[in-house]
Protein backbone atom coordinates (compact mmCIF):
# COMPACT_ATOMS: atom_id res chain seq x y z
CA UNK A 1 22.60 1.46 -22.54
CA UNK A 2 22.67 -0.71 -26.22
CA UNK A 3 21.49 0.98 -29.48
CA UNK A 4 21.79 -1.36 -32.04
CA UNK A 5 20.59 -0.37 -35.49
CA UNK A 6 20.98 -4.30 -37.35
CA UNK A 7 18.57 -6.62 -37.06
CA UNK A 8 20.46 -10.37 -36.67
CA UNK A 9 22.86 -8.29 -33.98
CA UNK A 10 19.44 -7.78 -32.34
CA UNK A 11 18.39 -11.08 -32.46
CA UNK A 12 21.78 -12.35 -30.58
CA UNK A 13 21.49 -9.52 -28.25
CA UNK A 14 17.69 -10.48 -27.36
CA UNK A 15 18.77 -14.37 -27.39
CA UNK A 16 21.83 -13.24 -24.69
CA UNK A 17 19.42 -11.39 -22.24
CA UNK A 18 17.05 -14.52 -22.46
CA UNK A 19 19.79 -16.82 -21.19
CA UNK A 20 21.19 -14.50 -18.56
CA UNK A 21 20.33 -16.67 -16.21
CA UNK A 22 19.92 -20.04 -17.06
CA UNK A 23 19.74 -22.55 -14.34
CA UNK A 24 20.14 -25.27 -15.92
CA UNK A 25 23.89 -24.69 -16.80
CA UNK A 26 24.88 -23.30 -13.28
CA UNK A 27 26.43 -26.84 -11.30
CA UNK A 28 27.42 -24.41 -8.68
CA UNK A 29 24.00 -23.42 -7.79
CA UNK A 30 22.78 -27.05 -8.12
CA UNK A 31 24.82 -28.70 -6.03
CA UNK A 32 24.28 -26.17 -2.94
CA UNK A 33 21.06 -25.91 -3.12
CA UNK A 34 20.47 -29.93 -3.65
CA UNK A 35 22.84 -30.05 -0.34
CA UNK A 36 20.25 -27.90 1.04
CA UNK A 37 17.14 -29.44 0.46
CA UNK A 38 19.16 -32.66 1.48
CA UNK A 39 19.58 -31.13 4.64
CA UNK A 40 16.02 -29.93 5.16
CA UNK A 41 15.07 -32.97 4.77
CA UNK A 42 17.19 -35.03 7.62
CA UNK A 43 17.10 -32.36 9.92
CA UNK A 44 14.41 -30.03 9.75
CA UNK A 45 13.87 -27.04 11.46
CA UNK A 46 17.67 -27.48 12.99
CA UNK A 47 18.67 -26.82 9.68
CA UNK A 48 16.42 -24.08 8.53
CA UNK A 49 17.61 -21.89 11.54
CA UNK A 50 20.93 -22.61 11.08
CA UNK A 51 20.74 -21.57 7.00
CA UNK A 52 18.86 -18.36 8.25
CA UNK A 53 21.51 -17.54 10.47
CA UNK A 54 24.40 -18.17 7.96
CA UNK A 55 22.59 -16.56 4.72
CA UNK A 56 20.15 -13.56 6.19
CA UNK A 57 22.35 -12.94 9.83
CA UNK A 58 19.85 -13.52 11.99
CA UNK A 59 18.42 -16.53 14.12
CA UNK A 60 14.62 -17.33 13.42
CA UNK A 61 13.54 -18.13 16.93
CA UNK A 62 10.91 -18.63 16.91
CA UNK A 63 10.73 -18.83 13.22
CA UNK A 64 7.08 -18.45 13.47
CA UNK A 65 5.14 -14.33 13.01
CA UNK A 66 2.78 -13.76 16.08
CA UNK A 67 -0.90 -12.90 15.02
CA UNK A 68 -0.73 -10.29 17.04
CA UNK A 69 2.28 -8.92 14.89
CA UNK A 70 0.56 -9.18 11.75
CA UNK A 71 -2.40 -7.47 12.98
CA UNK A 72 -0.29 -4.61 14.44
CA UNK A 73 1.68 -4.15 10.96
CA UNK A 74 -2.04 -3.40 9.40
CA UNK A 75 -3.18 -0.98 12.08
CA UNK A 76 0.38 0.72 11.99
CA UNK A 77 0.05 1.13 8.40
CA UNK A 78 -1.06 5.02 7.13
CA UNK A 79 -4.98 5.07 6.01
CA UNK A 80 -4.03 5.73 2.48
CA UNK A 81 -1.79 3.10 2.13
CA UNK A 82 -4.82 0.78 4.04
CA UNK A 83 -7.06 1.94 1.15
CA UNK A 84 -4.10 1.59 -1.49
CA UNK A 85 -4.07 -2.26 -0.39
CA UNK A 86 -7.64 -2.66 -0.01
CA UNK A 87 -8.88 -1.45 -3.42
CA UNK A 88 -5.90 -3.60 -4.81
CA UNK A 89 -7.35 -6.44 -3.24
CA UNK A 90 -10.85 -5.83 -4.41
CA UNK A 91 -10.01 -5.07 -7.57
CA UNK A 92 -7.50 -8.64 -8.10
CA UNK A 93 -10.27 -10.96 -6.11
CA UNK A 94 -12.78 -9.88 -8.63
CA UNK A 95 -10.55 -10.78 -11.68
CA UNK A 96 -9.64 -13.65 -9.95
CA UNK A 97 -13.30 -15.27 -9.07
CA UNK A 98 -13.87 -14.88 -13.00
CA UNK A 99 -11.12 -17.75 -13.38
CA UNK A 100 -12.25 -20.24 -11.53
CA UNK A 101 -12.41 -23.46 -14.33
CA UNK A 102 -15.88 -25.22 -14.65
CA UNK A 103 -16.82 -28.82 -14.35
CA UNK A 104 -17.61 -30.52 -17.20
CA UNK A 105 -20.39 -32.82 -17.70
CA UNK A 106 -21.45 -34.68 -20.59
CA UNK A 107 -24.09 -37.78 -21.03
CA UNK A 108 -23.83 -39.98 -24.00
CA UNK A 109 -26.66 -41.40 -25.97
CA UNK A 110 -26.82 -44.66 -24.36
CA UNK A 111 -26.51 -42.95 -21.08
CA UNK A 112 -22.77 -43.21 -20.09
CA UNK A 113 -21.57 -39.78 -17.96
CA UNK A 114 -18.26 -38.34 -18.46
CA UNK A 115 -16.86 -35.62 -16.18
CA UNK A 116 -14.33 -33.33 -14.91
CA UNK A 117 -14.33 -31.69 -11.65
CA UNK A 118 -11.63 -29.24 -10.26
CA UNK A 119 -10.89 -29.17 -6.35
CA UNK A 120 -8.49 -27.26 -4.46
CA UNK A 121 -5.55 -28.48 -3.23
CA UNK A 122 -5.65 -29.02 0.84
CA UNK A 123 -2.55 -26.92 1.53
CA UNK A 124 -0.41 -24.22 -0.39
CA UNK A 125 2.94 -22.07 0.30
CA UNK A 126 3.25 -18.79 -1.37
CA UNK A 127 6.96 -17.34 -1.20
CA UNK A 128 7.16 -13.62 -0.87
CA UNK A 129 10.83 -12.25 -1.84
CA UNK A 130 12.42 -9.71 0.71
CA UNK A 131 16.25 -8.29 0.17
CA UNK A 132 16.36 -5.32 -1.97
CA UNK A 133 13.11 -4.54 -1.59
CA UNK A 134 9.56 -5.50 0.50
CA UNK A 135 6.87 -6.93 -2.21
CA UNK A 136 2.87 -6.60 -0.65
CA UNK A 137 1.46 -6.63 -4.12
CA UNK A 138 2.89 -10.53 -4.87
CA UNK A 139 1.49 -11.63 -1.22
CA UNK A 140 -1.76 -10.33 -2.65
CA UNK A 141 -1.35 -11.65 -6.02
CA UNK A 142 -0.32 -15.39 -4.36
CA UNK A 143 -2.87 -15.57 -1.42
CA UNK A 144 -6.03 -14.32 -3.58
CA UNK A 145 -5.91 -17.04 -6.19
CA UNK A 146 -5.38 -19.91 -3.60
CA UNK A 147 -8.04 -18.77 -1.23
CA UNK A 148 -10.46 -18.25 -4.79
CA UNK A 149 -9.68 -21.37 -5.68
CA UNK A 150 -10.43 -22.66 -2.34
CA UNK A 151 -7.73 -23.36 -0.26
CA UNK A 152 -7.70 -24.52 3.42
CA UNK A 153 -4.56 -23.74 4.39
CA UNK A 154 -1.73 -21.29 3.42
CA UNK A 155 1.84 -20.81 4.65
CA UNK A 156 3.53 -17.76 3.81
CA UNK A 157 7.41 -17.54 3.92
CA UNK A 158 9.01 -14.15 3.83
CA UNK A 159 13.24 -13.53 4.41
CA UNK A 160 13.53 -10.97 7.45
CA UNK A 161 16.05 -8.58 7.86
CA UNK A 162 19.12 -8.70 10.07
CA UNK A 163 16.82 -8.26 13.24
CA UNK A 164 14.40 -10.70 11.73
CA UNK A 165 11.58 -9.01 11.06
CA UNK A 166 9.56 -9.14 8.05
CA UNK A 167 8.55 -5.77 5.99
CA UNK A 168 5.53 -4.36 7.90
CA UNK A 169 3.27 -3.12 4.49
CA UNK A 170 3.90 -7.42 3.46
CA UNK A 171 2.87 -8.36 6.78
CA UNK A 172 0.24 -5.92 6.50
CA UNK A 173 -0.71 -7.13 2.99
CA UNK A 174 -1.14 -10.57 4.78
CA UNK A 175 -3.87 -9.47 7.17
CA UNK A 176 -6.09 -8.41 4.64
CA UNK A 177 -5.74 -11.30 2.69
CA UNK A 178 -6.20 -13.67 6.46
CA UNK A 179 -2.61 -15.58 6.01
CA UNK A 180 -2.04 -16.75 9.87
CA UNK A 181 0.52 -18.74 8.91
CA UNK A 182 3.46 -16.71 8.50
CA UNK A 183 7.55 -17.58 8.68
CA UNK A 184 10.10 -15.42 8.64
CA UNK A 185 12.38 -17.27 6.32
CA UNK A 186 13.64 -17.05 2.79
CA UNK A 187 16.00 -18.82 0.32
CA UNK A 188 16.18 -22.20 -0.49
CA UNK A 189 15.58 -23.71 2.80
CA UNK A 190 12.18 -22.09 3.03
CA UNK A 191 11.38 -23.84 -0.45
CA UNK A 192 12.74 -26.78 1.69
CA UNK A 193 10.30 -26.39 4.68
CA UNK A 194 7.52 -25.84 2.42
CA UNK A 195 8.23 -29.05 0.67
CA UNK A 196 9.49 -31.81 2.85
CA UNK A 197 7.68 -30.22 6.01
CA UNK A 198 8.90 -29.61 9.26
CA UNK A 199 7.74 -30.18 13.30
CA UNK A 200 7.11 -26.06 12.78
CA UNK A 201 5.90 -26.02 9.32
CA UNK A 202 3.14 -28.06 7.35
CA UNK A 203 4.30 -29.58 4.31
CA UNK A 204 2.64 -27.98 1.07
CA UNK A 205 1.13 -29.33 -2.31
CA UNK A 206 2.13 -26.37 -4.27
CA UNK A 207 4.36 -23.80 -4.14
CA UNK A 208 4.24 -20.38 -5.66
CA UNK A 209 5.99 -16.95 -5.89
CA UNK A 210 9.08 -15.52 -7.13
CA UNK A 211 12.24 -15.07 -5.96
CA UNK A 212 16.26 -15.54 -6.24
CA UNK A 213 18.39 -17.76 -7.99
CA UNK A 214 18.59 -19.58 -5.26
CA UNK A 215 14.88 -20.14 -4.54
CA UNK A 216 14.04 -21.09 -8.35
CA UNK A 217 16.58 -23.95 -8.47
CA UNK A 218 15.06 -25.03 -5.25
CA UNK A 219 11.42 -24.98 -6.67
CA UNK A 220 12.95 -26.78 -9.69
CA UNK A 221 14.20 -30.20 -7.68
CA UNK A 222 11.53 -30.21 -5.79
CA UNK A 223 9.02 -30.32 -8.38
CA UNK A 224 7.63 -34.04 -8.92
CA UNK A 225 6.90 -34.45 -5.34
CA UNK A 226 5.74 -30.76 -5.00
CA UNK A 227 3.62 -28.72 -7.19
CA UNK A 228 4.61 -25.37 -8.76
CA UNK A 229 3.79 -22.63 -10.23
CA UNK A 230 6.76 -21.54 -12.47
CA UNK A 231 10.34 -21.40 -12.36
CA UNK A 232 10.81 -17.52 -12.96
CA UNK A 233 13.59 -15.11 -13.83
CA UNK A 234 14.75 -11.95 -13.61
CA UNK A 235 12.04 -9.82 -13.90
CA UNK A 236 12.11 -8.16 -17.96
CA UNK A 237 10.22 -5.31 -20.27
CA UNK A 238 9.74 -5.01 -23.83
CA UNK A 239 8.58 -1.60 -25.16
CA UNK A 240 7.12 -0.89 -28.88
CA UNK A 241 7.23 2.78 -29.79
CA UNK A 242 6.74 4.45 -32.84
CA UNK A 243 7.43 8.17 -32.84
CA UNK A 244 4.42 9.38 -31.66
CA UNK A 245 5.52 8.61 -27.79
CA UNK A 246 7.13 10.78 -25.20
CA UNK A 247 10.45 10.00 -24.10
CA UNK A 248 9.72 10.94 -21.15
CA UNK A 249 7.47 8.39 -20.25
CA UNK A 250 9.05 5.52 -22.27
CA UNK A 251 12.83 6.44 -20.51
CA UNK A 252 10.57 6.45 -17.28
CA UNK A 253 9.09 3.01 -18.04
CA UNK A 254 11.93 1.36 -19.02
CA UNK A 255 14.20 2.52 -15.24
CA UNK A 256 10.92 1.08 -13.58
CA UNK A 257 12.04 -2.00 -14.56
CA UNK A 258 15.33 -1.55 -14.38
CA UNK A 259 15.11 -0.62 -10.39
CA UNK A 260 13.81 -4.38 -9.63
CA UNK A 261 17.08 -5.83 -9.84
CA UNK A 262 20.58 -5.66 -11.10
CA UNK A 263 19.92 -8.89 -13.48
CA UNK A 264 16.27 -6.55 -14.47
CA UNK A 265 15.77 -6.33 -18.34
CA UNK A 266 14.75 -3.04 -20.10
CA UNK A 267 14.32 -3.23 -23.83
CA UNK A 268 12.60 -0.79 -26.39
CA UNK A 269 12.40 -1.74 -29.95
CA UNK A 270 11.76 1.56 -32.16
CA UNK A 271 11.21 2.77 -35.45
CA UNK A 272 13.23 6.14 -34.36
CA UNK A 273 16.80 6.51 -34.24
CA UNK A 274 16.69 9.92 -33.19
CA UNK A 275 14.00 8.87 -30.62
CA UNK A 276 16.20 5.85 -29.16
CA UNK A 277 19.35 8.16 -28.54
CA UNK A 278 16.87 10.56 -26.77
CA UNK A 279 15.45 7.71 -24.55
CA UNK A 280 18.98 6.60 -23.63
CA UNK A 281 19.81 10.37 -23.01
CA UNK A 282 16.92 11.00 -20.47
CA UNK A 283 17.52 7.96 -18.67
CA UNK A 284 20.71 8.90 -17.91
CA UNK A 285 19.88 11.41 -16.86
CA UNK A 286 17.31 10.43 -14.56
CA UNK A 287 19.84 8.40 -12.83
CA UNK A 288 21.76 11.28 -11.60
CA UNK A 289 19.52 11.71 -8.69
CA UNK A 290 17.83 8.01 -8.55
CA UNK A 291 17.33 6.05 -4.98
CA UNK A 292 18.47 2.78 -6.54
CA UNK A 293 20.94 4.39 -8.83
CA UNK A 294 23.33 1.32 -8.83
CA UNK A 295 20.83 -1.27 -9.07
CA UNK A 296 19.55 0.59 -12.02
CA UNK A 297 23.02 1.23 -13.55
CA UNK A 298 24.26 -2.61 -13.63
CA UNK A 299 20.48 -3.67 -14.99
CA UNK A 300 20.58 -0.84 -17.70
CA UNK A 301 24.86 -1.48 -18.54
CA UNK A 302 24.62 -5.23 -18.41
CA UNK A 303 20.82 -6.01 -19.77
CA UNK A 304 19.49 -2.95 -21.28
CA UNK A 305 19.02 -2.82 -24.87
CA UNK A 306 17.26 -0.32 -27.73
CA UNK A 307 16.63 -1.84 -30.97
CA UNK A 308 16.23 0.66 -34.30
CA UNK A 309 13.59 -1.70 -36.24
CA UNK A 310 12.77 -0.64 -40.27
CA UNK A 311 9.32 -0.95 -39.28
CA UNK A 312 7.02 -1.80 -36.73
CA UNK A 313 5.68 -5.08 -38.12
CA UNK A 314 10.03 -6.20 -37.45
CA UNK A 315 9.13 -4.72 -33.98
CA UNK A 316 6.28 -7.17 -33.88
CA UNK A 317 8.09 -10.25 -35.24
CA UNK A 318 11.53 -9.56 -32.24
CA UNK A 319 8.89 -9.61 -29.70
CA UNK A 320 6.86 -12.51 -30.67
CA UNK A 321 10.07 -14.10 -30.65
CA UNK A 322 11.57 -12.79 -27.14
CA UNK A 323 8.27 -13.30 -25.39
CA UNK A 324 8.99 -11.24 -22.81
CA UNK A 325 7.22 -11.28 -19.61
CA UNK A 326 5.62 -7.50 -20.13
CA UNK A 327 4.72 -5.87 -23.15
CA UNK A 328 3.86 -2.24 -23.83
CA UNK A 329 2.86 -1.41 -26.77
CA UNK A 330 3.02 2.63 -27.16
CA UNK A 331 2.36 3.50 -30.75
CA UNK A 332 -0.09 5.86 -32.52
CA UNK A 333 -2.32 3.01 -33.13
CA UNK A 334 -1.41 0.27 -30.38
CA UNK A 335 -4.41 -2.04 -31.18
CA UNK A 336 -3.45 -2.76 -34.42
CA UNK A 337 -0.11 -3.95 -33.33
CA UNK A 338 -1.90 -6.11 -30.38
CA UNK A 339 -3.93 -8.31 -32.89
CA UNK A 340 -0.49 -9.24 -34.39
CA UNK A 341 1.01 -9.87 -30.60
CA UNK A 342 1.41 -14.02 -29.75
CA UNK A 343 3.92 -14.60 -27.13
CA UNK A 344 3.54 -11.80 -23.92
CA UNK A 345 3.15 -12.51 -20.09
CA UNK A 346 1.39 -9.53 -19.94
CA UNK A 347 0.16 -6.67 -22.59
CA UNK A 348 -0.18 -2.96 -21.72
CA UNK A 349 -1.76 -0.97 -24.38
CA UNK A 350 -1.20 2.36 -25.08
CA UNK A 351 0.28 5.52 -22.78
CA UNK A 352 -2.11 5.71 -20.07
CA UNK A 353 -1.18 1.86 -19.21
CA UNK A 354 2.25 1.53 -17.32
CA UNK A 355 3.67 -1.84 -16.26
CA UNK A 356 3.25 -0.54 -12.68
CA UNK A 357 -1.10 -0.67 -13.55
CA UNK A 358 -0.61 -4.44 -14.12
CA UNK A 359 2.16 -4.77 -11.14
CA UNK A 360 -0.08 -3.29 -8.48
CA UNK A 361 -3.98 -3.57 -9.17
CA UNK A 362 -5.41 -4.11 -12.70
CA UNK A 363 -6.61 -7.41 -11.22
CA UNK A 364 -4.67 -10.08 -13.74
CA UNK A 365 -2.10 -11.46 -11.77
CA UNK A 366 1.56 -9.62 -12.20
CA UNK A 367 3.85 -13.80 -11.04
CA UNK A 368 4.30 -13.73 -15.25
CA UNK A 369 6.24 -16.22 -17.55
CA UNK A 370 10.14 -14.78 -18.35
CA UNK A 371 12.96 -15.41 -19.92
CA UNK A 372 10.73 -16.22 -23.47
CA UNK A 373 8.17 -19.24 -21.36
CA UNK A 374 5.32 -17.14 -22.51
CA UNK A 375 6.05 -18.76 -25.71
CA UNK A 376 3.88 -21.88 -23.88
CA UNK A 377 2.85 -20.42 -20.28
CA UNK A 378 0.97 -17.76 -18.79
CA UNK A 379 0.00 -15.83 -15.57
CA UNK A 380 -0.25 -17.51 -12.41
CA UNK A 381 -4.01 -17.88 -11.75
CA UNK A 382 -6.96 -19.77 -9.76
CA UNK A 383 -6.06 -23.10 -11.60
CA UNK A 384 -2.50 -22.94 -9.88
CA UNK A 385 -4.00 -24.23 -6.76
CA UNK A 386 -6.51 -26.57 -8.36
CA UNK A 387 -6.51 -30.17 -9.77
CA UNK A 388 -8.98 -31.99 -11.75
CA UNK A 389 -10.16 -35.31 -11.44
CA UNK A 390 -11.58 -37.16 -14.29
CA UNK A 391 -15.61 -39.20 -14.15
CA UNK A 392 -16.39 -41.91 -15.95
CA UNK A 393 -19.54 -44.26 -15.95
CA UNK A 394 -20.60 -46.46 -18.27
CA UNK A 395 -23.61 -48.99 -18.08
CA UNK A 396 -23.82 -52.43 -19.82
CA UNK A 397 -25.94 -50.87 -22.93
CA UNK A 398 -23.12 -48.26 -23.21
CA UNK A 399 -20.41 -50.15 -22.78
CA UNK A 400 -21.66 -53.25 -25.02
CA UNK A 401 -21.69 -50.20 -27.96
CA UNK A 402 -18.42 -49.45 -27.59
CA UNK A 403 -16.80 -52.48 -26.69
CA UNK A 404 -15.12 -53.64 -30.52
CA UNK A 405 -13.59 -50.28 -30.64
CA UNK A 406 -11.70 -50.77 -27.01
CA UNK A 407 -10.94 -54.25 -27.76
CA UNK A 408 -9.35 -53.58 -30.95
CA UNK A 409 -7.54 -50.55 -29.41
CA UNK A 410 -6.21 -52.23 -27.00
CA UNK A 411 -5.28 -55.17 -29.17
CA UNK A 412 -3.13 -52.96 -31.46
CA UNK A 413 -1.13 -51.61 -29.18
CA UNK A 414 -0.48 -55.61 -27.01
CA UNK A 415 -2.13 -54.96 -23.96
CA UNK A 416 -3.88 -58.19 -24.19
CA UNK A 417 -5.64 -57.93 -20.40
CA UNK A 418 -6.83 -54.30 -21.54
CA UNK A 419 -8.89 -56.32 -24.30
CA UNK A 420 -10.11 -59.13 -21.83
CA UNK A 421 -11.51 -56.56 -18.78
CA UNK A 422 -13.95 -55.75 -21.53
CA UNK A 423 -14.58 -58.96 -22.96
CA UNK A 424 -14.66 -60.21 -19.59
CA UNK A 425 -18.35 -58.94 -18.99
CA UNK A 426 -19.38 -59.85 -21.78
CA UNK A 427 -18.84 -64.04 -21.24
CA UNK A 428 -22.06 -64.72 -19.95
């Protein structure tokens, strides 16, 4: 794991990490995904089945998962895991119910009325990754905000394994959230199916959920005709730690990020060179018998970083510049650090709040901005699945009292008929 005791070099490494999967510059992947999407748009279910066989190794016939299979997944789940899923569902639901946006109604002194009214989209598609791991928590984090928003139809897509089966716990999570429309497809072809619609899969209004670079590229290319949550890259954590932090906890928390994916980034900013060396040594100790050793090693080798900072102020400065998806603050006085944090997707305070708490059941959403996007965006939420309409109603008096201002503004823009549309109402 890289240990750097130089601020300028640390900044360079953080920039490199943030840009590690920049889809804008990958012409080959962009072209591949574009061709897949065009094929899906033209040939629908036939193309989906072709790409599923090609990329995932099975023929999805039928594509849909029978409700009996979803139900069986829940009842085949052990009781302890069932309780964990229920607890997570309840906490996530409770938090997201507080996010429902309020309608606005303002009345003017002349009787005019302006409003903003929120409504849910009709149909939402949620993408649940497969592959290296199963993500029942992602089902909860995407389905629950959509349900709280009031979405009428939620369609879930998730790639099956070589036998075409979706992970049992993923299906169990779908069961307790009431999702019945599930299709065992993944990749860019699944995004195309949701965006364009086919005979078997309804076109949706919004697509949410993380995926690999092909999924992310597909979301980017269909955006505009279909809404999306974000363009999420590989996961990342940045930990700010002082000399009071526990070595074992730091090493474990960094590995908890690295085990996601070879492109996952685990970063530690600390004021202690001694602590940096000890954490690096502890990480390699823990990797000796780690069940996901190969993935962790690749992540740590390519995208792991420990930066030595002269003080905590420098740690904060570098963190704000990087804008991490996940930020842990493990210091003697973490709330003092919190006051200076400007950019982060989710912030975990103190040694008793590992990132895993937020990943599974704290309540706030774990679908977060990556690759520096926390500078201008936040977590997936209820509003992702809603849209708002402005409602404007003037009467004769209110229009009369504002007409000169409207006419002057319209004339300043050279828009004659805009001005005339007000004048014409008072000609008689």
